[in-house]
């Protein structure tokens, strides 16, 4: 249960102010929140499911200590990139409407995204990919539900710079903790 909560909180915070969450938010402003949420969640489920499957295969091919180091490096890299990047100036555009637009945009937006890399890293330090899958999907579902149904009222009022700082701090902290837990 502890690892599930770690996966859940990591992915939930990492997805805050992420491009796919912003797409969900943007599309739900002028479309059915339920249709946008369903399109987003199915895209996220497919994407995370693929990462869990391929990540589980990779974990069996490469020595665990190497994977753990790579995972820690990914967490640190994402954290520093998020902290030093100027994501505030990037405009978010949301063409189209509804289920299929949400599905397509979010599936593509998540390819190589920090949350996808985080899932891969969490698989590296876990002996149970199903816990990673369940924690990841739960976090993404809640995150995108908030974006689809509450975003315009509440989430949009939190400055993106503050959300980016929280995400950056979490990733750097987790990267350091992974290194210490494995090698110190």
N, C-alpha and C. Protein backbone atom coordinates (compact mmCIF):
# COMPACT_ATOMS: atom_id res chain seq x y z
N UNK A 1 0.82 -1.20 0.00
CA UNK A 1 0.00 0.00 0.00
C UNK A 1 0.87 1.27 0.00
N UNK A 2 2.02 1.22 0.67
CA UNK A 2 2.92 2.37 0.70
C UNK A 2 3.41 2.72 -0.70
N UNK A 3 3.80 1.70 -1.45
CA UNK A 3 4.32 1.96 -2.79
C UNK A 3 3.21 2.49 -3.70
N UNK A 4 2.00 1.98 -3.55
CA UNK A 4 0.86 2.49 -4.32
C UNK A 4 0.70 3.99 -4.05
N UNK A 5 0.77 4.39 -2.79
CA UNK A 5 0.62 5.81 -2.44
C UNK A 5 1.77 6.65 -2.99
N UNK A 6 2.97 6.09 -3.00
CA UNK A 6 4.11 6.79 -3.58
C UNK A 6 3.89 7.00 -5.08
N UNK A 7 3.48 5.94 -5.78
CA UNK A 7 3.21 6.05 -7.22
C UNK A 7 2.10 7.06 -7.46
N UNK A 8 1.01 6.93 -6.71
CA UNK A 8 -0.13 7.83 -6.87
C UNK A 8 0.29 9.28 -6.68
N UNK A 9 0.95 9.59 -5.57
CA UNK A 9 1.30 10.98 -5.29
C UNK A 9 2.32 11.52 -6.29
N UNK A 10 3.27 10.69 -6.69
CA UNK A 10 4.26 11.12 -7.67
C UNK A 10 3.59 11.50 -8.99
N UNK A 11 2.75 10.61 -9.49
CA UNK A 11 2.11 10.88 -10.79
C UNK A 11 1.07 11.99 -10.69
N UNK A 12 0.37 12.07 -9.58
CA UNK A 12 -0.64 13.12 -9.42
C UNK A 12 0.01 14.49 -9.47
N UNK A 13 1.08 14.66 -8.71
CA UNK A 13 1.76 15.95 -8.68
C UNK A 13 2.47 16.22 -9.99
N UNK A 14 3.08 15.20 -10.57
CA UNK A 14 3.80 15.38 -11.83
C UNK A 14 2.88 15.84 -12.96
N UNK A 15 1.64 15.42 -12.91
CA UNK A 15 0.70 15.74 -13.99
C UNK A 15 0.09 17.13 -13.84
N UNK A 16 0.26 17.75 -12.65
CA UNK A 16 -0.29 19.09 -12.45
C UNK A 16 0.38 20.07 -13.41
N UNK A 17 -0.41 20.82 -14.11
CA UNK A 17 0.03 21.82 -15.09
C UNK A 17 0.80 21.22 -16.25
N UNK A 18 0.68 19.90 -16.44
CA UNK A 18 1.31 19.24 -17.58
C UNK A 18 0.48 19.54 -18.83
N UNK A 19 1.11 19.38 -20.00
CA UNK A 19 0.41 19.74 -21.24
C UNK A 19 -0.86 18.92 -21.45
N UNK A 20 -0.86 17.64 -21.08
CA UNK A 20 -2.07 16.84 -21.29
C UNK A 20 -3.18 17.26 -20.33
N UNK A 21 -2.83 17.63 -19.10
CA UNK A 21 -3.84 18.13 -18.18
C UNK A 21 -4.41 19.45 -18.69
N UNK A 22 -3.55 20.29 -19.23
CA UNK A 22 -4.02 21.57 -19.78
C UNK A 22 -4.91 21.37 -20.99
N UNK A 23 -4.62 20.34 -21.79
CA UNK A 23 -5.50 20.02 -22.92
C UNK A 23 -6.88 19.61 -22.40
N UNK A 24 -6.90 18.74 -21.38
CA UNK A 24 -8.17 18.32 -20.78
C UNK A 24 -8.93 19.53 -20.25
N UNK A 25 -8.25 20.38 -19.55
CA UNK A 25 -8.87 21.59 -19.00
C UNK A 25 -9.43 22.46 -20.12
N UNK A 26 -8.60 22.71 -21.13
CA UNK A 26 -8.98 23.60 -22.22
C UNK A 26 -10.19 23.06 -23.00
N UNK A 27 -10.15 21.77 -23.32
CA UNK A 27 -11.26 21.18 -24.07
C UNK A 27 -12.55 21.16 -23.26
N UNK A 28 -12.44 20.99 -21.95
CA UNK A 28 -13.65 20.88 -21.13
C UNK A 28 -14.31 22.23 -20.87
N UNK A 29 -13.59 23.30 -21.15
CA UNK A 29 -14.19 24.63 -20.98
C UNK A 29 -15.36 24.82 -21.94
N UNK A 30 -15.23 24.27 -23.17
CA UNK A 30 -16.29 24.48 -24.16
C UNK A 30 -16.94 23.19 -24.64
N UNK A 31 -16.65 22.05 -23.98
CA UNK A 31 -17.22 20.77 -24.37
C UNK A 31 -17.70 20.02 -23.14
N UNK A 32 -18.34 18.90 -23.36
CA UNK A 32 -18.79 18.07 -22.27
C UNK A 32 -17.58 17.58 -21.46
N UNK A 33 -17.56 17.92 -20.17
CA UNK A 33 -16.48 17.48 -19.30
C UNK A 33 -16.37 15.97 -19.26
N UNK A 34 -17.50 15.28 -19.30
CA UNK A 34 -17.50 13.82 -19.25
C UNK A 34 -16.86 13.23 -20.50
N UNK A 35 -17.23 13.74 -21.67
CA UNK A 35 -16.65 13.22 -22.92
C UNK A 35 -15.14 13.49 -22.98
N UNK A 36 -14.74 14.68 -22.57
CA UNK A 36 -13.32 15.02 -22.57
C UNK A 36 -12.58 14.13 -21.58
N UNK A 37 -13.13 13.96 -20.40
CA UNK A 37 -12.50 13.11 -19.39
C UNK A 37 -12.35 11.67 -19.90
N UNK A 38 -13.41 11.12 -20.48
CA UNK A 38 -13.34 9.74 -20.97
C UNK A 38 -12.29 9.59 -22.08
N UNK A 39 -12.25 10.53 -23.00
CA UNK A 39 -11.23 10.49 -24.05
C UNK A 39 -9.83 10.57 -23.46
N UNK A 40 -9.66 11.46 -22.50
CA UNK A 40 -8.35 11.63 -21.85
C UNK A 40 -7.97 10.37 -21.08
N UNK A 41 -8.89 9.84 -20.31
CA UNK A 41 -8.56 8.69 -19.47
C UNK A 41 -8.25 7.44 -20.29
N UNK A 42 -8.98 7.23 -21.37
CA UNK A 42 -8.70 6.07 -22.21
C UNK A 42 -7.32 6.22 -22.88
N UNK A 43 -7.00 7.42 -23.34
CA UNK A 43 -5.67 7.66 -23.93
C UNK A 43 -4.57 7.44 -22.89
N UNK A 44 -4.77 7.96 -21.70
CA UNK A 44 -3.79 7.79 -20.63
C UNK A 44 -3.65 6.32 -20.24
N UNK A 45 -4.76 5.62 -20.17
CA UNK A 45 -4.73 4.19 -19.81
C UNK A 45 -3.95 3.38 -20.83
N UNK A 46 -4.20 3.65 -22.09
CA UNK A 46 -3.49 2.95 -23.15
C UNK A 46 -1.99 3.26 -23.09
N UNK A 47 -1.67 4.52 -22.94
CA UNK A 47 -0.29 4.96 -22.89
C UNK A 47 0.45 4.36 -21.69
N UNK A 48 -0.13 4.45 -20.51
CA UNK A 48 0.51 3.91 -19.30
C UNK A 48 0.58 2.39 -19.37
N UNK A 49 -0.45 1.75 -19.89
CA UNK A 49 -0.43 0.30 -20.04
C UNK A 49 0.74 -0.16 -20.91
N UNK A 50 0.98 0.55 -22.00
CA UNK A 50 2.11 0.22 -22.87
C UNK A 50 3.44 0.41 -22.15
N UNK A 51 3.56 1.48 -21.38
CA UNK A 51 4.79 1.72 -20.63
C UNK A 51 5.02 0.61 -19.61
N UNK A 52 3.97 0.20 -18.92
CA UNK A 52 4.11 -0.87 -17.92
C UNK A 52 4.54 -2.17 -18.58
N UNK A 53 3.94 -2.50 -19.70
CA UNK A 53 4.29 -3.75 -20.40
C UNK A 53 5.74 -3.71 -20.86
N UNK A 54 6.12 -2.66 -21.59
CA UNK A 54 7.48 -2.58 -22.09
C UNK A 54 8.49 -2.36 -20.97
N UNK A 55 8.10 -1.60 -19.96
CA UNK A 55 8.99 -1.40 -18.82
C UNK A 55 9.27 -2.69 -18.08
N UNK A 56 8.26 -3.54 -17.95
CA UNK A 56 8.44 -4.83 -17.28
C UNK A 56 9.38 -5.73 -18.07
N UNK A 57 9.33 -5.64 -19.38
CA UNK A 57 10.24 -6.43 -20.23
C UNK A 57 11.67 -5.91 -20.07
N UNK A 58 11.83 -4.59 -20.12
CA UNK A 58 13.16 -3.99 -19.99
C UNK A 58 13.78 -4.34 -18.64
N UNK A 59 12.98 -4.32 -17.59
CA UNK A 59 13.48 -4.63 -16.24
C UNK A 59 14.06 -6.04 -16.19
N UNK A 60 13.53 -6.94 -16.97
CA UNK A 60 14.05 -8.32 -16.98
C UNK A 60 15.29 -8.49 -17.86
N UNK A 61 15.61 -7.51 -18.69
CA UNK A 61 16.75 -7.61 -19.58
C UNK A 61 18.01 -6.88 -19.08
N UNK A 62 17.82 -5.88 -18.25
CA UNK A 62 18.93 -5.05 -17.78
C UNK A 62 19.08 -5.23 -16.27
N UNK A 63 20.31 -5.31 -15.77
CA UNK A 63 20.51 -5.47 -14.32
C UNK A 63 19.80 -4.38 -13.51
N UNK A 64 19.23 -4.78 -12.38
CA UNK A 64 18.38 -3.88 -11.60
C UNK A 64 19.13 -2.64 -11.12
N UNK A 65 20.38 -2.77 -10.69
CA UNK A 65 21.08 -1.58 -10.19
C UNK A 65 21.31 -0.55 -11.29
N UNK A 66 21.49 -0.99 -12.52
CA UNK A 66 21.63 -0.06 -13.66
C UNK A 66 20.29 0.64 -13.92
N UNK A 67 19.22 -0.12 -13.88
CA UNK A 67 17.89 0.46 -14.11
C UNK A 67 17.55 1.46 -13.01
N UNK A 68 17.91 1.14 -11.78
CA UNK A 68 17.63 2.06 -10.66
C UNK A 68 18.41 3.36 -10.85
N UNK A 69 19.66 3.26 -11.25
CA UNK A 69 20.45 4.47 -11.51
C UNK A 69 19.86 5.28 -12.65
N UNK A 70 19.45 4.61 -13.70
CA UNK A 70 18.82 5.31 -14.83
C UNK A 70 17.52 5.96 -14.38
N UNK A 71 16.73 5.24 -13.59
CA UNK A 71 15.49 5.80 -13.07
C UNK A 71 15.73 7.03 -12.22
N UNK A 72 16.74 6.96 -11.32
CA UNK A 72 17.07 8.12 -10.48
C UNK A 72 17.53 9.29 -11.35
N UNK A 73 18.33 9.00 -12.37
CA UNK A 73 18.81 10.06 -13.27
C UNK A 73 17.64 10.70 -14.03
N UNK A 74 16.68 9.87 -14.43
CA UNK A 74 15.49 10.41 -15.11
C UNK A 74 14.72 11.34 -14.18
N UNK A 75 14.51 10.91 -12.93
CA UNK A 75 13.80 11.76 -11.96
C UNK A 75 14.54 13.09 -11.77
N UNK A 76 15.87 13.01 -11.57
CA UNK A 76 16.65 14.24 -11.39
C UNK A 76 16.60 15.11 -12.63
N UNK A 77 16.73 14.51 -13.81
CA UNK A 77 16.67 15.27 -15.06
C UNK A 77 15.33 15.96 -15.25
N UNK A 78 14.25 15.25 -14.98
CA UNK A 78 12.92 15.85 -15.11
C UNK A 78 12.77 17.00 -14.13
N UNK A 79 13.25 16.78 -12.90
CA UNK A 79 13.14 17.83 -11.88
C UNK A 79 13.88 19.09 -12.27
N UNK A 80 15.14 18.93 -12.69
CA UNK A 80 15.94 20.10 -13.07
C UNK A 80 15.39 20.76 -14.34
N UNK A 81 14.96 19.95 -15.29
CA UNK A 81 14.37 20.52 -16.51
C UNK A 81 13.12 21.34 -16.17
N UNK A 82 12.25 20.78 -15.34
CA UNK A 82 11.02 21.47 -14.97
C UNK A 82 11.33 22.76 -14.23
N UNK A 83 12.34 22.72 -13.34
CA UNK A 83 12.69 23.90 -12.56
C UNK A 83 13.26 25.01 -13.44
N UNK A 84 14.11 24.66 -14.40
CA UNK A 84 14.80 25.67 -15.19
C UNK A 84 14.11 26.02 -16.51
N UNK A 85 13.11 25.27 -16.92
CA UNK A 85 12.45 25.58 -18.20
C UNK A 85 11.43 26.68 -18.01
N UNK A 86 11.20 27.42 -19.06
CA UNK A 86 10.24 28.51 -19.03
C UNK A 86 8.93 28.04 -19.63
N UNK A 87 8.21 27.23 -18.88
CA UNK A 87 6.96 26.67 -19.39
C UNK A 87 5.81 27.67 -19.31
N UNK A 88 6.01 28.73 -18.58
CA UNK A 88 4.98 29.75 -18.42
C UNK A 88 4.63 30.42 -19.74
N UNK A 89 5.60 30.55 -20.63
CA UNK A 89 5.38 31.31 -21.84
C UNK A 89 4.79 30.50 -22.99
N UNK A 90 4.65 29.21 -22.80
CA UNK A 90 4.13 28.37 -23.88
C UNK A 90 2.60 28.43 -23.89
N UNK A 91 2.01 28.88 -24.99
CA UNK A 91 0.56 28.92 -25.03
C UNK A 91 -0.02 27.52 -25.22
N UNK A 92 -1.19 27.31 -24.68
CA UNK A 92 -1.88 26.04 -24.84
C UNK A 92 -3.03 26.26 -25.80
N UNK A 93 -3.05 25.51 -26.87
CA UNK A 93 -4.14 25.61 -27.82
C UNK A 93 -4.90 24.30 -27.82
N UNK A 94 -6.19 24.37 -27.98
CA UNK A 94 -7.03 23.18 -27.93
C UNK A 94 -7.98 23.15 -29.11
N UNK A 95 -7.51 22.69 -30.25
CA UNK A 95 -8.41 22.60 -31.40
C UNK A 95 -9.39 21.45 -31.23
N UNK A 96 -10.51 21.51 -31.91
CA UNK A 96 -11.46 20.41 -31.91
C UNK A 96 -12.31 20.37 -30.65
N UNK A 97 -12.98 19.23 -30.47
CA UNK A 97 -13.87 19.12 -29.33
C UNK A 97 -14.11 17.66 -28.97
N UNK A 98 -14.50 17.44 -27.75
CA UNK A 98 -15.01 16.17 -27.30
C UNK A 98 -14.04 15.02 -27.15
N UNK A 99 -14.62 13.83 -27.16
CA UNK A 99 -13.93 12.59 -26.85
C UNK A 99 -12.72 12.32 -27.74
N UNK A 100 -12.93 12.30 -29.07
CA UNK A 100 -11.85 11.90 -29.97
C UNK A 100 -10.71 12.90 -30.00
N UNK A 101 -11.02 14.16 -29.89
CA UNK A 101 -9.96 15.16 -29.84
C UNK A 101 -9.14 15.00 -28.57
N UNK A 102 -9.82 14.82 -27.44
CA UNK A 102 -9.11 14.60 -26.17
C UNK A 102 -8.25 13.34 -26.26
N UNK A 103 -8.83 12.27 -26.76
CA UNK A 103 -8.09 11.01 -26.88
C UNK A 103 -6.82 11.21 -27.72
N UNK A 104 -6.98 11.77 -28.90
CA UNK A 104 -5.86 11.92 -29.83
C UNK A 104 -4.79 12.85 -29.29
N UNK A 105 -5.20 14.04 -28.84
CA UNK A 105 -4.22 15.01 -28.36
C UNK A 105 -3.47 14.49 -27.13
N UNK A 106 -4.17 13.86 -26.22
CA UNK A 106 -3.53 13.41 -24.98
C UNK A 106 -2.66 12.19 -25.23
N UNK A 107 -3.09 11.27 -26.08
CA UNK A 107 -2.26 10.11 -26.37
C UNK A 107 -0.93 10.57 -26.97
N UNK A 108 -0.98 11.50 -27.90
CA UNK A 108 0.24 12.01 -28.53
C UNK A 108 1.06 12.84 -27.54
N UNK A 109 0.40 13.67 -26.75
CA UNK A 109 1.11 14.54 -25.79
C UNK A 109 1.86 13.74 -24.74
N UNK A 110 1.38 12.57 -24.39
CA UNK A 110 2.01 11.77 -23.34
C UNK A 110 3.23 10.98 -23.83
N UNK A 111 3.42 10.87 -25.14
CA UNK A 111 4.57 10.12 -25.65
C UNK A 111 5.87 10.81 -25.22
N UNK A 112 6.69 10.10 -24.45
CA UNK A 112 7.96 10.64 -23.99
C UNK A 112 7.82 11.71 -22.92
N UNK A 113 6.64 11.87 -22.37
CA UNK A 113 6.37 12.89 -21.37
C UNK A 113 6.99 12.50 -20.02
N UNK A 114 7.12 13.47 -19.14
CA UNK A 114 7.73 13.20 -17.83
C UNK A 114 6.93 12.17 -17.03
N UNK A 115 5.62 12.15 -17.18
CA UNK A 115 4.85 11.16 -16.44
C UNK A 115 5.09 9.75 -16.99
N UNK A 116 5.26 9.64 -18.29
CA UNK A 116 5.57 8.34 -18.89
C UNK A 116 6.95 7.87 -18.41
N UNK A 117 7.91 8.76 -18.37
CA UNK A 117 9.24 8.41 -17.87
C UNK A 117 9.20 8.09 -16.37
N UNK A 118 8.35 8.78 -15.64
CA UNK A 118 8.21 8.50 -14.21
C UNK A 118 7.65 7.09 -13.99
N UNK A 119 6.67 6.70 -14.78
CA UNK A 119 6.10 5.35 -14.68
C UNK A 119 7.19 4.32 -14.96
N UNK A 120 7.97 4.55 -15.98
CA UNK A 120 9.06 3.64 -16.33
C UNK A 120 10.07 3.55 -15.17
N UNK A 121 10.39 4.67 -14.58
CA UNK A 121 11.32 4.67 -13.44
C UNK A 121 10.74 3.96 -12.22
N UNK A 122 9.47 4.13 -11.99
CA UNK A 122 8.83 3.47 -10.85
C UNK A 122 8.77 1.96 -11.04
N UNK A 123 8.61 1.52 -12.27
CA UNK A 123 8.64 0.08 -12.55
C UNK A 123 10.02 -0.47 -12.21
N UNK A 124 11.05 0.33 -12.46
CA UNK A 124 12.43 -0.12 -12.20
C UNK A 124 12.67 -0.40 -10.73
N UNK A 125 12.02 0.34 -9.86
CA UNK A 125 12.26 0.15 -8.42
C UNK A 125 11.17 -0.68 -7.75
N UNK A 126 10.24 -1.19 -8.53
CA UNK A 126 9.13 -1.97 -7.99
C UNK A 126 9.24 -3.43 -8.43
N UNK A 127 8.74 -4.29 -7.57
CA UNK A 127 8.65 -5.69 -7.97
C UNK A 127 7.24 -6.04 -8.45
N UNK A 128 6.36 -5.05 -8.47
CA UNK A 128 4.98 -5.30 -8.84
C UNK A 128 4.47 -4.25 -9.84
N UNK A 129 4.59 -4.54 -11.14
CA UNK A 129 4.14 -3.56 -12.14
C UNK A 129 2.64 -3.25 -12.06
N UNK A 130 1.86 -4.18 -11.52
CA UNK A 130 0.42 -3.91 -11.40
C UNK A 130 0.14 -2.81 -10.38
N UNK A 131 0.97 -2.70 -9.34
CA UNK A 131 0.82 -1.61 -8.38
C UNK A 131 1.15 -0.28 -9.06
N UNK A 132 2.19 -0.29 -9.88
CA UNK A 132 2.56 0.91 -10.63
C UNK A 132 1.42 1.29 -11.57
N UNK A 133 0.86 0.33 -12.26
CA UNK A 133 -0.26 0.58 -13.17
C UNK A 133 -1.46 1.15 -12.41
N UNK A 134 -1.83 0.51 -11.32
CA UNK A 134 -3.00 0.96 -10.55
C UNK A 134 -2.79 2.36 -9.96
N UNK A 135 -1.62 2.59 -9.39
CA UNK A 135 -1.33 3.90 -8.81
C UNK A 135 -1.29 4.99 -9.86
N UNK A 136 -0.68 4.68 -11.00
CA UNK A 136 -0.57 5.65 -12.09
C UNK A 136 -1.94 5.99 -12.66
N UNK A 137 -2.74 4.97 -12.94
CA UNK A 137 -4.06 5.22 -13.52
C UNK A 137 -4.97 5.96 -12.55
N UNK A 138 -4.88 5.62 -11.26
CA UNK A 138 -5.69 6.32 -10.26
C UNK A 138 -5.31 7.79 -10.20
N UNK A 139 -4.02 8.07 -10.19
CA UNK A 139 -3.56 9.46 -10.13
C UNK A 139 -3.99 10.24 -11.36
N UNK A 140 -3.81 9.63 -12.53
CA UNK A 140 -4.18 10.32 -13.76
C UNK A 140 -5.68 10.54 -13.86
N UNK A 141 -6.45 9.55 -13.41
CA UNK A 141 -7.91 9.70 -13.44
C UNK A 141 -8.34 10.88 -12.57
N UNK A 142 -7.83 10.93 -11.34
CA UNK A 142 -8.20 12.03 -10.46
C UNK A 142 -7.72 13.37 -11.01
N UNK A 143 -6.50 13.40 -11.49
CA UNK A 143 -5.93 14.63 -12.01
C UNK A 143 -6.75 15.18 -13.18
N UNK A 144 -7.08 14.31 -14.12
CA UNK A 144 -7.83 14.76 -15.30
C UNK A 144 -9.30 14.98 -14.99
N UNK A 145 -9.84 14.29 -14.00
CA UNK A 145 -11.21 14.58 -13.56
C UNK A 145 -11.27 15.99 -12.98
N UNK A 146 -10.26 16.33 -12.18
CA UNK A 146 -10.21 17.70 -11.65
C UNK A 146 -10.10 18.72 -12.77
N UNK A 147 -9.27 18.42 -13.76
CA UNK A 147 -9.11 19.34 -14.88
C UNK A 147 -10.41 19.48 -15.66
N UNK A 148 -11.11 18.37 -15.87
CA UNK A 148 -12.32 18.39 -16.68
C UNK A 148 -13.51 19.01 -15.95
N UNK A 149 -13.60 18.76 -14.64
CA UNK A 149 -14.81 19.17 -13.93
C UNK A 149 -14.63 20.36 -12.99
N UNK A 150 -13.42 20.61 -12.53
CA UNK A 150 -13.20 21.70 -11.58
C UNK A 150 -12.18 22.71 -12.05
N UNK A 151 -11.51 22.42 -13.14
CA UNK A 151 -10.39 23.23 -13.59
C UNK A 151 -10.69 24.70 -13.75
N UNK A 152 -11.78 25.00 -14.39
CA UNK A 152 -12.04 26.41 -14.67
C UNK A 152 -12.33 27.20 -13.40
N UNK A 153 -12.77 26.53 -12.35
CA UNK A 153 -13.10 27.24 -11.11
C UNK A 153 -11.92 27.35 -10.16
N UNK A 154 -11.08 26.30 -10.08
CA UNK A 154 -10.08 26.26 -9.01
C UNK A 154 -8.64 26.10 -9.50
N UNK A 155 -8.36 25.05 -10.26
CA UNK A 155 -6.99 24.74 -10.64
C UNK A 155 -6.37 25.86 -11.45
N UNK A 156 -7.16 26.50 -12.29
CA UNK A 156 -6.62 27.56 -13.15
C UNK A 156 -6.16 28.77 -12.33
N UNK A 157 -6.56 28.86 -11.08
CA UNK A 157 -6.18 29.99 -10.24
C UNK A 157 -4.81 29.81 -9.59
N UNK A 158 -4.28 28.57 -9.58
CA UNK A 158 -2.94 28.33 -9.02
C UNK A 158 -1.93 28.70 -10.09
N UNK A 159 -1.00 29.58 -9.76
CA UNK A 159 0.00 29.98 -10.76
C UNK A 159 0.79 28.77 -11.26
N UNK A 160 0.96 28.70 -12.56
CA UNK A 160 1.65 27.57 -13.17
C UNK A 160 3.09 27.47 -12.68
N UNK A 161 3.70 28.60 -12.42
CA UNK A 161 5.07 28.61 -11.93
C UNK A 161 5.18 27.88 -10.58
N UNK A 162 4.20 28.07 -9.71
CA UNK A 162 4.20 27.37 -8.41
C UNK A 162 4.01 25.86 -8.61
N UNK A 163 3.12 25.48 -9.50
CA UNK A 163 2.92 24.06 -9.77
C UNK A 163 4.20 23.44 -10.35
N UNK A 164 4.86 24.15 -11.24
CA UNK A 164 6.11 23.65 -11.81
C UNK A 164 7.18 23.49 -10.74
N UNK A 165 7.25 24.42 -9.80
CA UNK A 165 8.23 24.31 -8.71
C UNK A 165 7.96 23.08 -7.86
N UNK A 166 6.71 22.82 -7.54
CA UNK A 166 6.35 21.64 -6.74
C UNK A 166 6.74 20.36 -7.48
N UNK A 167 6.43 20.30 -8.77
CA UNK A 167 6.79 19.13 -9.58
C UNK A 167 8.30 18.96 -9.62
N UNK A 168 9.03 20.03 -9.85
CA UNK A 168 10.49 19.96 -9.91
C UNK A 168 11.07 19.47 -8.60
N UNK A 169 10.60 20.02 -7.50
CA UNK A 169 11.09 19.61 -6.18
C UNK A 169 10.82 18.13 -5.94
N UNK A 170 9.61 17.68 -6.25
CA UNK A 170 9.26 16.28 -6.03
C UNK A 170 10.17 15.35 -6.82
N UNK A 171 10.41 15.65 -8.08
CA UNK A 171 11.25 14.78 -8.90
C UNK A 171 12.69 14.75 -8.41
N UNK A 172 13.24 15.90 -8.06
CA UNK A 172 14.61 15.92 -7.54
C UNK A 172 14.67 15.15 -6.22
N UNK A 173 13.73 15.38 -5.35
CA UNK A 173 13.69 14.68 -4.06
C UNK A 173 13.61 13.17 -4.27
N UNK A 174 12.72 12.72 -5.14
CA UNK A 174 12.59 11.28 -5.38
C UNK A 174 13.84 10.70 -6.02
N UNK A 175 14.47 11.42 -6.93
CA UNK A 175 15.72 10.95 -7.54
C UNK A 175 16.80 10.74 -6.49
N UNK A 176 16.92 11.70 -5.59
CA UNK A 176 17.91 11.58 -4.51
C UNK A 176 17.55 10.42 -3.58
N UNK A 177 16.28 10.28 -3.25
CA UNK A 177 15.85 9.19 -2.36
C UNK A 177 16.10 7.82 -2.99
N UNK A 178 15.89 7.70 -4.28
CA UNK A 178 16.14 6.42 -4.97
C UNK A 178 17.63 6.08 -4.86
N UNK A 179 18.49 7.05 -5.10
CA UNK A 179 19.93 6.81 -5.03
C UNK A 179 20.33 6.39 -3.60
N UNK A 180 19.84 7.13 -2.61
CA UNK A 180 20.19 6.81 -1.22
C UNK A 180 19.64 5.45 -0.81
N UNK A 181 18.42 5.14 -1.20
CA UNK A 181 17.83 3.85 -0.81
C UNK A 181 18.58 2.67 -1.41
N UNK A 182 19.12 2.85 -2.59
CA UNK A 182 19.79 1.73 -3.28
C UNK A 182 21.28 1.64 -2.97
N UNK A 183 21.94 2.77 -2.83
CA UNK A 183 23.40 2.74 -2.79
C UNK A 183 24.04 3.27 -1.50
N UNK A 184 23.27 3.79 -0.59
CA UNK A 184 23.87 4.33 0.64
C UNK A 184 23.42 3.52 1.83
